[in-house]
Amino acid sequence: MEPIFTNDAIVLGIILAVLAGIFVTSQSAHPFWKTFYKFVPALLLAYLIPALLHWPLGLISGDHSNLYFIASRYLLPASLVLLCLSIDFKGIINLGPKALIVFLAGTLGVVLGGPVALLTVIYFFPGLIPVSPDELWRGLSTIAGSWIGGSANQTAMKEIFQVDDNLFGTVVIVDVVVAYVWMGVLLYGANVTERIDRWLQADTSAIEALKERVAAFRAKVERIPTTTDTLTLLAVTFACVGLAHWAADTISPWLKIQHFSGLNWLEDGYFWLIVVATTLGLGLSFTRFRDLEGVGASRYGTIFIYIMVATIGMKMNLREVFEHLGLFAVGIIWMLIHILVLLVVAKLIKAPFFFVAVGSQANIGGAASAPVVASAFSPALAPVGVLLAVLGYALGTYAALLCAWLMELVATGQTIG
């Protein structure tokens, strides 16, 4: 159904009004708002309110808007440049190997979660999903590609296993809704991270040290920006975004011509857009442009992230859950296995919840949302999300193929070994 407002000028105005309202109330000294934001993080509201405006209110919809495309192609790369300007490499190195370990645990959780979820639904709820087991495992293979890598890996699974277009469309809905609901949970978790870290018995000293070092640098270079300062900041940022687009438009078609077997993710233009934008931002952190942090680099980056989150929320349609309950049962069980593996590993190695959240989102959401979740903890941590998401792209096709093979064994009643 078409929403009431389809003109993107109006939709953008609504989103900015929502974000302004969130920021104003979150900074309010009123006891109600102070209590409210103790339990509900501002970034979660930026995601949830546009989702509610989509359904059930029917005011706006990501399906009838180009704002997500604009935010993901222009504002997200810009935010990565801005948030990487003041990056502290020493601090990131000091985070140690736990982030990588938890990320790989998240990948393992996706690989194991698929066959376990499929087995559960086939044997305990036969007939719940009106497609054959063979069609089902093929369709679910595309979720594995998406949840470990990204859209390129998902498309690769569709082509490899010849997934029916109608089934693929339904599976994509399950993929998006379950992933977005989990992203909402992670954004909330960022607000109660201290409690979760106590349960995990995690050492967060390296994370806190990194945040403090970035905050100290920001305080050192901070000044009231002039018009020249602001224009310089915007020029540098969007010049980098332009270079990133140029590189993506050049590299991606060339790689498609070469067609490296098994490396489909390298052909994804969006992958190169994110990688190049991040790399340029990291490069600028070694130059005098790093001082642009003093005129609001991370502040603009944070605003762009909030707009990105709001446009993601617009794409969320909770009504779809009720229309595809069987497949959603698979998706939910699958996600619960992923979460269980993550938490068990994090508990064993005493990893901070930040690593759990970003390691999970780097798998499930990829480069578009991993830095968003990371920045919910601190803008200084956004690059960690990007770095792990890039690794997810690399692992996506291979891990998804393993997951698909396990699901085929389950669906056809074979045994392993």
Protein backbone atom coordinates (compact mmCIF):
# COMPACT_ATOMS: atom_id res chain seq x y z
CA MET A 1 0.00 0.00 0.00
CA GLU A 2 1.28 3.45 -0.92
CA PRO A 3 2.14 5.69 2.05
CA ILE A 4 0.57 9.11 2.55
CA PHE A 5 3.83 10.94 1.79
CA THR A 6 5.92 9.86 -1.20
CA ASN A 7 7.65 13.17 -1.98
CA ASP A 8 11.19 12.80 -0.63
CA ALA A 9 11.37 16.50 0.27
CA ILE A 10 8.46 15.94 2.66
CA VAL A 11 9.84 12.63 3.91
CA LEU A 12 13.25 14.19 4.61
CA GLY A 13 11.53 17.00 6.52
CA ILE A 14 9.66 14.44 8.64
CA ILE A 15 12.85 12.48 9.36
CA LEU A 16 14.82 15.58 10.33
CA ALA A 17 11.95 16.73 12.56
CA VAL A 18 11.96 13.32 14.26
CA LEU A 19 15.73 13.42 14.76
CA ALA A 20 15.63 16.98 16.08
CA GLY A 21 12.90 15.97 18.53
CA ILE A 22 15.01 13.03 19.71
CA PHE A 23 18.10 15.20 20.24
CA VAL A 24 16.17 17.97 22.02
CA THR A 25 14.39 15.60 24.40
CA SER A 26 17.53 13.52 25.04
CA GLN A 27 19.32 16.68 26.21
CA SER A 28 16.37 17.86 28.28
CA ALA A 29 16.73 18.26 32.04
CA HIS A 30 13.09 17.26 32.58
CA PRO A 31 12.91 14.24 34.93
CA PHE A 32 10.66 12.28 32.55
CA TRP A 33 13.06 12.52 29.62
CA LYS A 34 16.10 11.85 31.81
CA THR A 35 14.46 8.65 33.04
CA PHE A 36 13.18 7.72 29.58
CA TYR A 37 16.59 7.93 27.92
CA LYS A 38 18.15 5.84 30.66
CA PHE A 39 16.24 2.93 29.21
CA VAL A 40 15.75 3.88 25.55
CA PRO A 41 18.84 4.99 23.58
CA ALA A 42 18.43 7.90 21.18
CA LEU A 43 19.84 5.93 18.25
CA LEU A 44 17.24 3.20 18.77
CA LEU A 45 14.47 5.81 18.61
CA ALA A 46 15.98 7.17 15.38
CA TYR A 47 15.49 3.67 13.99
CA LEU A 48 12.17 2.76 15.62
CA ILE A 49 10.10 5.90 15.04
CA PRO A 50 10.53 5.89 11.22
CA ALA A 51 9.68 2.16 11.32
CA LEU A 52 6.41 2.96 13.12
CA LEU A 53 5.73 5.81 10.69
CA HIS A 54 6.02 3.17 7.96
CA TRP A 55 3.80 0.60 9.66
CA PRO A 56 1.25 0.78 11.20
CA LEU A 57 0.88 4.54 10.61
CA GLY A 58 1.50 4.41 6.86
CA LEU A 59 2.92 7.93 6.62
CA ILE A 60 6.24 7.10 4.93
CA SER A 61 7.91 4.04 3.41
CA GLY A 62 11.40 3.11 2.32
CA ASP A 63 9.82 1.29 -0.62
CA HIS A 64 8.60 4.61 -2.04
CA SER A 65 11.64 6.73 -1.25
CA ASN A 66 15.18 7.22 -2.54
CA LEU A 67 16.44 8.55 0.79
CA TYR A 68 17.99 5.24 1.86
CA PHE A 69 19.91 5.08 -1.41
CA ILE A 70 21.16 8.64 -0.94
CA ALA A 71 22.05 8.08 2.71
CA SER A 72 23.85 4.79 2.04
CA ARG A 73 25.73 6.03 -1.05
CA TYR A 74 26.61 9.56 0.04
CA LEU A 75 26.05 10.18 3.75
CA LEU A 76 27.40 6.87 5.08
CA PRO A 77 30.69 7.11 3.13
CA ALA A 78 30.92 10.76 4.24
CA SER A 79 30.39 9.74 7.87
CA LEU A 80 33.13 7.12 7.59
CA VAL A 81 35.56 9.74 6.28
CA LEU A 82 34.59 12.14 9.06
CA LEU A 83 34.73 9.56 11.86
CA CYS A 84 38.07 8.17 10.64
CA LEU A 85 39.74 11.60 10.56
CA SER A 86 40.68 11.42 14.22
CA ILE A 87 41.23 7.68 14.40
CA ASP A 88 43.77 6.44 16.93
CA PHE A 89 45.55 3.47 15.35
CA LYS A 90 47.47 2.64 18.50
CA GLY A 91 44.24 2.52 20.45
CA ILE A 92 42.61 0.19 17.89
CA ILE A 93 45.62 -2.13 17.90
CA ASN A 94 45.45 -2.20 21.69
CA LEU A 95 41.91 -3.61 21.46
CA GLY A 96 43.62 -6.94 20.86
CA PRO A 97 42.42 -10.14 19.13
CA LYS A 98 39.13 -10.56 20.98
CA ALA A 99 37.18 -8.52 18.43
CA LEU A 100 38.31 -10.90 15.67
CA ILE A 101 37.58 -14.00 17.76
CA VAL A 102 34.04 -12.84 18.53
CA PHE A 103 33.46 -11.90 14.90
CA LEU A 104 34.48 -15.39 13.77
CA ALA A 105 32.22 -16.86 16.46
CA GLY A 106 29.37 -14.86 14.91
CA THR A 107 30.20 -16.36 11.51
CA LEU A 108 30.21 -19.85 13.03
CA GLY A 109 26.85 -19.10 14.64
CA VAL A 110 25.35 -18.27 11.24
CA VAL A 111 26.85 -21.39 9.61
CA LEU A 112 25.50 -23.68 12.34
CA GLY A 113 22.27 -21.77 12.89
CA GLY A 114 20.93 -22.39 9.38
CA PRO A 115 20.87 -26.20 9.49
CA VAL A 116 19.71 -26.27 13.13
CA ALA A 117 16.82 -23.90 12.37
CA LEU A 118 15.89 -25.85 9.24
CA LEU A 119 16.01 -29.17 11.12
CA THR A 120 13.82 -27.76 13.90
CA VAL A 121 11.12 -26.49 11.55
CA ILE A 122 11.10 -29.57 9.26
CA TYR A 123 10.81 -32.12 12.06
CA PHE A 124 8.78 -30.26 14.68
CA PHE A 125 6.57 -28.14 12.43
CA PRO A 126 6.14 -30.11 9.17
CA GLY A 127 4.03 -28.32 6.59
CA LEU A 128 4.57 -24.93 8.22
CA ILE A 129 6.37 -23.67 5.11
CA PRO A 130 4.56 -24.41 1.82
CA VAL A 131 7.64 -25.24 -0.27
CA SER A 132 9.61 -28.45 -0.73
CA PRO A 133 12.66 -29.07 1.52
CA ASP A 134 14.91 -28.88 -1.56
CA GLU A 135 13.55 -25.47 -2.54
CA LEU A 136 13.72 -24.34 1.07
CA TRP A 137 17.41 -24.99 1.70
CA ARG A 138 18.29 -23.35 -1.60
CA GLY A 139 16.30 -20.24 -0.68
CA LEU A 140 17.80 -20.11 2.82
CA SER A 141 21.31 -20.28 1.35
CA THR A 142 20.82 -16.66 0.25
CA ILE A 143 20.23 -15.60 3.87
CA ALA A 144 23.52 -17.27 4.80
CA GLY A 145 25.27 -15.24 2.09
CA SER A 146 23.66 -12.03 3.31
CA TRP A 147 24.23 -12.65 7.03
CA ILE A 148 27.91 -13.46 6.67
CA GLY A 149 28.87 -11.20 3.79
CA GLY A 150 26.44 -8.89 2.08
CA SER A 151 24.21 -8.39 -0.94
CA ALA A 152 26.89 -9.57 -3.37
CA ASN A 153 27.33 -12.83 -1.48
CA GLN A 154 23.54 -13.21 -1.29
CA THR A 155 23.20 -12.77 -5.05
CA ALA A 156 26.00 -15.28 -5.58
CA MET A 157 24.07 -17.88 -3.56
CA LYS A 158 20.93 -17.21 -5.60
CA GLU A 159 22.78 -17.86 -8.83
CA ILE A 160 24.76 -20.85 -7.59
CA PHE A 161 21.71 -22.68 -6.25
CA GLN A 162 19.20 -21.37 -8.83
CA VAL A 163 16.72 -20.02 -6.31
CA ASP A 164 13.22 -19.33 -7.63
CA ASP A 165 12.58 -15.58 -7.96
CA ASN A 166 9.33 -15.63 -5.97
CA LEU A 167 10.90 -17.62 -3.12
CA PHE A 168 13.94 -15.36 -3.21
CA GLY A 169 11.73 -12.28 -2.79
CA THR A 170 10.08 -13.82 0.29
CA VAL A 171 13.39 -14.92 1.79
CA VAL A 172 14.81 -11.43 1.35
CA ILE A 173 11.92 -10.09 3.46
CA VAL A 174 12.80 -12.56 6.24
CA ASP A 175 16.47 -11.63 5.95
CA VAL A 176 15.80 -7.90 6.22
CA VAL A 177 13.17 -7.94 8.98
CA VAL A 178 14.97 -10.37 11.29
CA ALA A 179 18.28 -8.56 10.75
CA TYR A 180 16.71 -5.15 11.43
CA VAL A 181 14.96 -6.36 14.58
CA TRP A 182 18.28 -7.70 15.85
CA MET A 183 19.95 -4.41 14.97
CA GLY A 184 17.36 -2.66 17.13
CA VAL A 185 18.21 -4.99 20.02
CA LEU A 186 21.91 -4.20 19.61
CA LEU A 187 21.25 -0.46 19.61
CA TYR A 188 19.36 -0.91 22.87
CA GLY A 189 22.17 -3.07 24.21
CA ALA A 190 24.63 -0.22 23.66
CA ASN A 191 22.64 1.70 26.28
CA VAL A 192 23.05 -1.02 28.92
CA THR A 193 26.50 -2.21 27.92
CA GLU A 194 27.93 -1.77 31.44
CA ARG A 195 25.48 -4.30 32.88
CA ILE A 196 26.17 -6.80 30.11
CA ASP A 197 29.93 -6.33 30.48
CA ARG A 198 29.66 -7.11 34.19
CA TRP A 199 27.86 -10.36 33.35
CA LEU A 200 30.52 -11.18 30.76
CA GLN A 201 33.23 -10.22 33.29
CA ALA A 202 34.79 -8.27 30.44
CA ASP A 203 37.83 -6.04 30.56
CA THR A 204 36.79 -2.82 28.80
CA SER A 205 39.90 -0.82 29.68
CA ALA A 206 41.27 -0.79 26.11
CA ILE A 207 37.93 0.47 24.73
CA GLU A 208 37.67 3.17 27.38
CA ALA A 209 41.29 4.21 26.79
CA LEU A 210 40.60 4.58 23.06
CA LYS A 211 37.51 6.71 23.70
CA GLU A 212 39.42 8.88 26.17
CA ARG A 213 42.35 9.41 23.77
CA VAL A 214 39.99 10.50 20.98
CA ALA A 215 38.07 12.77 23.38
CA ALA A 216 41.32 14.33 24.59
CA PHE A 217 42.45 15.03 21.03
CA ARG A 218 39.04 16.51 20.21
CA ALA A 219 39.22 18.84 23.23
CA LYS A 220 42.73 19.89 22.24
CA VAL A 221 41.85 20.99 18.69
CA GLU A 222 38.28 22.16 19.26
CA ARG A 223 37.41 25.71 18.23
CA ILE A 224 34.44 27.72 17.02
CA PRO A 225 34.23 26.97 13.27
CA THR A 226 34.21 29.75 10.70
CA THR A 227 32.43 29.53 7.36
CA THR A 228 35.80 28.73 5.78
CA ASP A 229 36.35 25.90 8.27
CA THR A 230 32.95 24.38 7.53
CA LEU A 231 33.35 24.65 3.76
CA THR A 232 36.82 23.11 3.99
CA LEU A 233 35.45 20.24 6.05
CA LEU A 234 32.63 19.59 3.59
CA ALA A 235 34.95 19.93 0.58
CA VAL A 236 37.47 17.43 1.95
CA THR A 237 34.72 15.01 2.99
CA PHE A 238 32.77 14.97 -0.25
CA ALA A 239 35.91 15.03 -2.36
CA CYS A 240 36.77 11.74 -0.64
CA VAL A 241 33.22 10.48 -1.26
CA GLY A 242 33.59 11.44 -4.92
CA LEU A 243 36.94 9.65 -5.19
CA ALA A 244 35.41 6.59 -3.51
CA HIS A 245 32.58 6.56 -6.07
CA TRP A 246 35.04 6.97 -8.92
CA ALA A 247 37.17 4.11 -7.61
CA ALA A 248 34.11 1.88 -7.14
CA ASP A 249 32.84 2.70 -10.64
CA THR A 250 36.27 1.82 -12.05
CA ILE A 251 37.27 -1.23 -10.02
CA SER A 252 33.94 -3.07 -9.89
CA PRO A 253 33.30 -3.28 -13.68
CA TRP A 254 36.91 -4.33 -14.30
CA LEU A 255 36.63 -7.16 -11.77
CA LYS A 256 33.32 -8.29 -13.30
CA ILE A 257 35.09 -8.67 -16.63
CA GLN A 258 37.88 -10.70 -14.99
CA HIS A 259 35.28 -12.76 -13.08
CA PHE A 260 37.38 -14.30 -10.32
CA SER A 261 35.61 -17.54 -9.40
CA GLY A 262 34.50 -17.63 -5.77
CA LEU A 263 35.30 -13.96 -5.23
CA ASN A 264 31.95 -12.47 -6.28
CA TRP A 265 32.03 -10.12 -3.32
CA LEU A 266 34.95 -8.30 -4.93
CA GLU A 267 32.68 -7.33 -7.82
CA ASP A 268 30.30 -5.43 -5.54
CA GLY A 269 30.63 -1.68 -6.20
CA TYR A 270 29.23 -0.83 -2.77
CA PHE A 271 31.99 -2.87 -1.13
CA TRP A 272 34.63 -0.76 -2.88
CA LEU A 273 32.76 2.46 -2.08
CA ILE A 274 32.91 1.70 1.64
CA VAL A 275 36.48 0.40 1.58
CA VAL A 276 37.88 3.34 -0.37
CA ALA A 277 35.99 5.95 1.71
CA THR A 278 37.27 4.36 4.91
CA THR A 279 40.82 4.13 3.54
CA LEU A 280 40.81 7.80 2.52
CA GLY A 281 39.55 8.81 5.96
CA LEU A 282 42.26 6.73 7.62
CA GLY A 283 44.87 8.29 5.32
CA LEU A 284 43.74 11.81 6.22
CA SER A 285 44.22 10.99 9.91
CA PHE A 286 47.98 11.12 9.26
CA THR A 287 47.81 14.63 7.83
CA ARG A 288 46.98 18.11 9.09
CA PHE A 289 43.38 17.48 8.01
CA ARG A 290 43.07 15.54 11.25
CA ASP A 291 42.63 18.92 12.96
CA LEU A 292 39.25 19.24 11.20
CA GLU A 293 37.97 17.24 14.15
CA GLY A 294 38.21 20.52 16.02
CA VAL A 295 35.55 22.12 13.80
CA GLY A 296 33.02 19.33 14.08
CA ALA A 297 34.10 16.39 11.89
CA SER A 298 32.70 13.71 14.21
CA ARG A 299 29.61 15.85 14.92
CA TYR A 300 28.71 15.93 11.22
CA GLY A 301 29.60 12.24 10.95
CA THR A 302 27.22 11.43 13.80
CA ILE A 303 24.39 13.41 12.18
CA PHE A 304 24.90 11.51 8.92
CA ILE A 305 24.82 8.23 10.86
CA TYR A 306 21.50 9.20 12.49
CA ILE A 307 19.99 10.04 9.10
CA MET A 308 21.24 6.69 7.79
CA VAL A 309 19.64 4.87 10.73
CA ALA A 310 16.33 6.69 10.16
CA THR A 311 16.27 5.68 6.49
CA ILE A 312 16.98 2.07 7.49
CA GLY A 313 14.02 2.29 9.87
CA MET A 314 11.81 3.45 7.00
CA LYS A 315 12.51 0.15 5.23
CA MET A 316 11.35 -1.91 8.20
CA ASN A 317 7.85 -3.37 7.81
CA LEU A 318 6.75 -5.42 10.80
CA ARG A 319 3.55 -6.42 9.01
CA GLU A 320 5.62 -8.78 6.86
CA VAL A 321 6.26 -10.92 9.95
CA PHE A 322 2.62 -11.96 10.10
CA GLU A 323 2.48 -12.77 6.39
CA HIS A 324 5.44 -15.20 6.38
CA LEU A 325 5.31 -16.81 9.83
CA GLY A 326 6.84 -20.13 8.76
CA LEU A 327 9.95 -18.63 7.21
CA PHE A 328 10.23 -16.19 10.08
CA ALA A 329 10.28 -19.14 12.48
CA VAL A 330 13.38 -20.37 10.65
CA GLY A 331 14.92 -16.88 10.66
CA ILE A 332 14.31 -16.33 14.36
CA ILE A 333 15.68 -19.73 15.43
CA TRP A 334 18.67 -19.15 13.14
CA MET A 335 19.35 -15.77 14.73
CA LEU A 336 19.00 -17.21 18.25
CA ILE A 337 21.70 -19.81 17.47
CA HIS A 338 23.96 -17.03 16.18
CA ILE A 339 23.38 -15.04 19.38
CA LEU A 340 23.94 -18.08 21.61
CA VAL A 341 27.29 -18.91 20.00
CA LEU A 342 28.37 -15.28 20.27
CA LEU A 343 27.50 -14.99 23.95
CA VAL A 344 29.10 -18.32 24.88
CA VAL A 345 32.37 -17.39 23.19
CA ALA A 346 32.30 -13.85 24.61
CA LYS A 347 31.69 -15.26 28.09
CA LEU A 348 34.54 -17.75 27.74
CA ILE A 349 37.10 -15.16 26.63
CA LYS A 350 35.55 -12.32 28.71
CA ALA A 351 35.07 -10.11 25.66
CA PRO A 352 33.24 -6.76 26.02
CA PHE A 353 29.68 -6.49 24.70
CA PHE A 354 30.96 -3.95 22.17
CA PHE A 355 32.80 -6.78 20.42
CA VAL A 356 29.65 -8.93 20.52
CA ALA A 357 27.48 -6.18 19.03
CA VAL A 358 29.91 -5.10 16.32
CA GLY A 359 31.08 -8.65 15.55
CA SER A 360 27.46 -9.69 15.09
CA GLN A 361 26.47 -6.69 12.99
CA ALA A 362 29.58 -7.00 10.82
CA ASN A 363 28.23 -10.45 9.92
CA ILE A 364 24.50 -9.81 9.82
CA GLY A 365 24.36 -6.23 8.53
CA GLY A 366 27.68 -5.72 6.79
CA ALA A 367 29.39 -2.45 5.97
CA ALA A 368 26.16 -0.45 5.87
CA SER A 369 25.23 -1.01 9.50
CA ALA A 370 28.29 -2.30 11.41
CA PRO A 371 29.75 1.23 11.80
CA VAL A 372 26.28 2.44 12.83
CA VAL A 373 26.14 -0.04 15.71
CA ALA A 374 29.78 0.68 16.61
CA SER A 375 29.09 4.42 16.76
CA ALA A 376 26.21 3.75 19.16
CA PHE A 377 28.94 2.93 21.68
CA SER A 378 31.15 5.83 20.60
CA PRO A 379 31.85 7.64 17.30
CA ALA A 380 35.52 6.84 17.92
CA LEU A 381 34.74 3.13 17.48
CA ALA A 382 32.97 3.31 14.10
CA PRO A 383 36.07 2.25 12.08
CA VAL A 384 36.20 -1.03 14.01
CA GLY A 385 32.81 -1.91 12.55
CA VAL A 386 34.00 -1.17 9.03
CA LEU A 387 37.14 -3.27 9.35
CA LEU A 388 35.21 -6.31 10.59
CA ALA A 389 32.51 -5.86 7.95
CA VAL A 390 35.15 -5.95 5.20
CA LEU A 391 36.34 -9.27 6.60
CA GLY A 392 32.74 -10.47 6.45
CA TYR A 393 32.63 -9.76 2.74
CA ALA A 394 35.71 -11.91 2.25
CA LEU A 395 34.33 -14.86 4.23
CA GLY A 396 30.75 -14.54 3.02
CA THR A 397 30.70 -16.79 -0.04
CA TYR A 398 32.81 -19.59 1.43
CA ALA A 399 31.02 -19.73 4.79
CA ALA A 400 27.63 -19.50 3.06
CA LEU A 401 28.52 -22.44 0.81
CA LEU A 402 29.39 -24.50 3.89
CA CYS A 403 26.12 -23.49 5.54
CA ALA A 404 24.17 -24.35 2.38
CA TRP A 405 25.80 -27.80 2.22
CA LEU A 406 24.81 -28.49 5.83
CA MET A 407 21.25 -27.34 5.14
CA GLU A 408 21.10 -29.61 2.07
CA LEU A 409 22.10 -32.57 4.24
CA VAL A 410 19.32 -31.69 6.69
CA ALA A 411 16.70 -31.13 3.98
CA THR A 412 17.45 -34.35 2.10
CA GLY A 413 17.68 -36.46 5.25
CA GLN A 414 21.35 -37.36 4.73
CA THR A 415 23.85 -37.76 7.53
CA ILE A 416 27.25 -36.18 7.72
CA GLY A 417 30.23 -38.49 7.33
